[in-house]
Protein backbone atom coordinates (compact mmCIF):
# COMPACT_ATOMS: atom_id res chain seq x y z
CA MET A 1 -0.22 -0.04 0.28
CA HIS A 2 1.77 3.12 -1.06
CA SER A 3 -0.43 5.50 1.07
CA ARG A 4 1.72 4.83 3.71
CA SER A 5 4.68 6.68 2.15
CA TYR A 6 2.19 9.41 1.33
CA LEU A 7 0.93 9.84 4.51
CA ALA A 8 4.11 9.43 6.38
CA ALA A 9 5.40 12.30 4.27
CA LEU A 10 2.83 14.42 4.72
CA ARG A 11 3.13 13.65 8.40
CA GLY A 12 6.60 15.43 8.48
CA ARG A 13 5.80 18.48 6.81
CA ASP A 14 5.51 21.95 8.99
CA TYR A 15 3.44 23.53 6.94
CA ILE A 16 0.58 21.07 6.89
CA SER A 17 -1.51 21.53 10.39
CA TRP A 18 -3.65 18.16 9.72
CA VAL A 19 -3.55 14.83 8.00
CA GLY A 20 -6.88 12.02 8.03
CA LEU A 21 -7.29 9.38 6.24
CA ALA A 22 -10.38 7.66 5.09
CA ASP A 23 -11.40 4.43 3.42
CA GLU A 24 -15.02 3.55 2.61
CA ARG A 25 -13.73 0.55 0.90
CA ASN A 26 -12.23 -0.73 3.78
CA PRO A 27 -12.62 1.33 6.88
CA GLY A 28 -11.03 -1.43 9.29
CA LEU A 29 -7.66 -0.96 7.56
CA ALA A 30 -8.12 2.64 7.41
CA SER A 31 -8.34 2.86 11.30
CA GLU A 32 -5.46 0.65 11.63
CA LEU A 33 -3.34 2.33 9.28
CA ALA A 34 -4.10 6.13 10.78
CA LEU A 35 -3.73 4.70 14.47
CA GLN A 36 -0.07 3.08 13.63
CA LEU A 37 0.85 6.45 11.79
CA GLY A 38 -0.38 8.69 14.56
CA LEU A 39 -3.27 10.46 11.86
CA ALA A 40 -6.80 11.09 12.15
CA HIS A 41 -9.30 8.29 10.82
CA VAL A 42 -12.16 10.05 8.98
CA ALA A 43 -15.58 7.63 8.87
CA SER A 44 -16.38 8.49 4.86
CA ALA A 45 -14.61 10.72 2.13
CA ALA A 46 -17.28 13.14 2.50
CA GLY A 47 -16.29 13.94 5.98
CA LEU A 48 -12.76 14.24 5.46
CA LEU A 49 -13.51 16.86 2.41
CA GLU A 50 -15.02 18.96 5.17
CA ARG A 51 -11.87 19.42 7.19
CA VAL A 52 -9.23 19.62 4.29
CA ASP A 53 -7.62 22.04 1.57
CA ALA A 54 -5.90 18.97 -0.31
CA VAL A 55 -6.32 15.52 -1.19
CA ILE A 56 -4.39 12.52 -2.36
CA ILE A 57 -5.92 9.78 -3.80
CA THR A 58 -3.97 6.59 -3.62
CA SER A 59 -6.17 3.90 -5.08
CA ALA A 60 -5.03 2.36 -8.17
CA ASN A 61 -5.10 4.50 -11.38
CA VAL A 62 -8.45 3.33 -13.13
CA GLU A 63 -10.02 4.30 -9.51
CA HIS A 64 -9.03 7.71 -9.44
CA LEU A 65 -11.94 9.56 -11.96
CA PRO A 66 -14.76 8.53 -10.08
CA MET A 67 -12.89 9.23 -6.72
CA ALA A 68 -12.23 12.66 -7.73
CA LEU A 69 -15.55 14.03 -9.28
């Protein structure tokens, strides 16, 4: 899962005040990963979007468009 490297890199930036993780397909894995990395877990993409200025989609490339819309 390459999202781990993205999340770790974001967490280490001093100009980023909050990093959260949402995965509606596998919320258990998202919750576990967030706990391991010391990040917030948000139950839904909609809930995440309420709190952020930017998003990185780390799904398979063919899934990016539907998630971005």
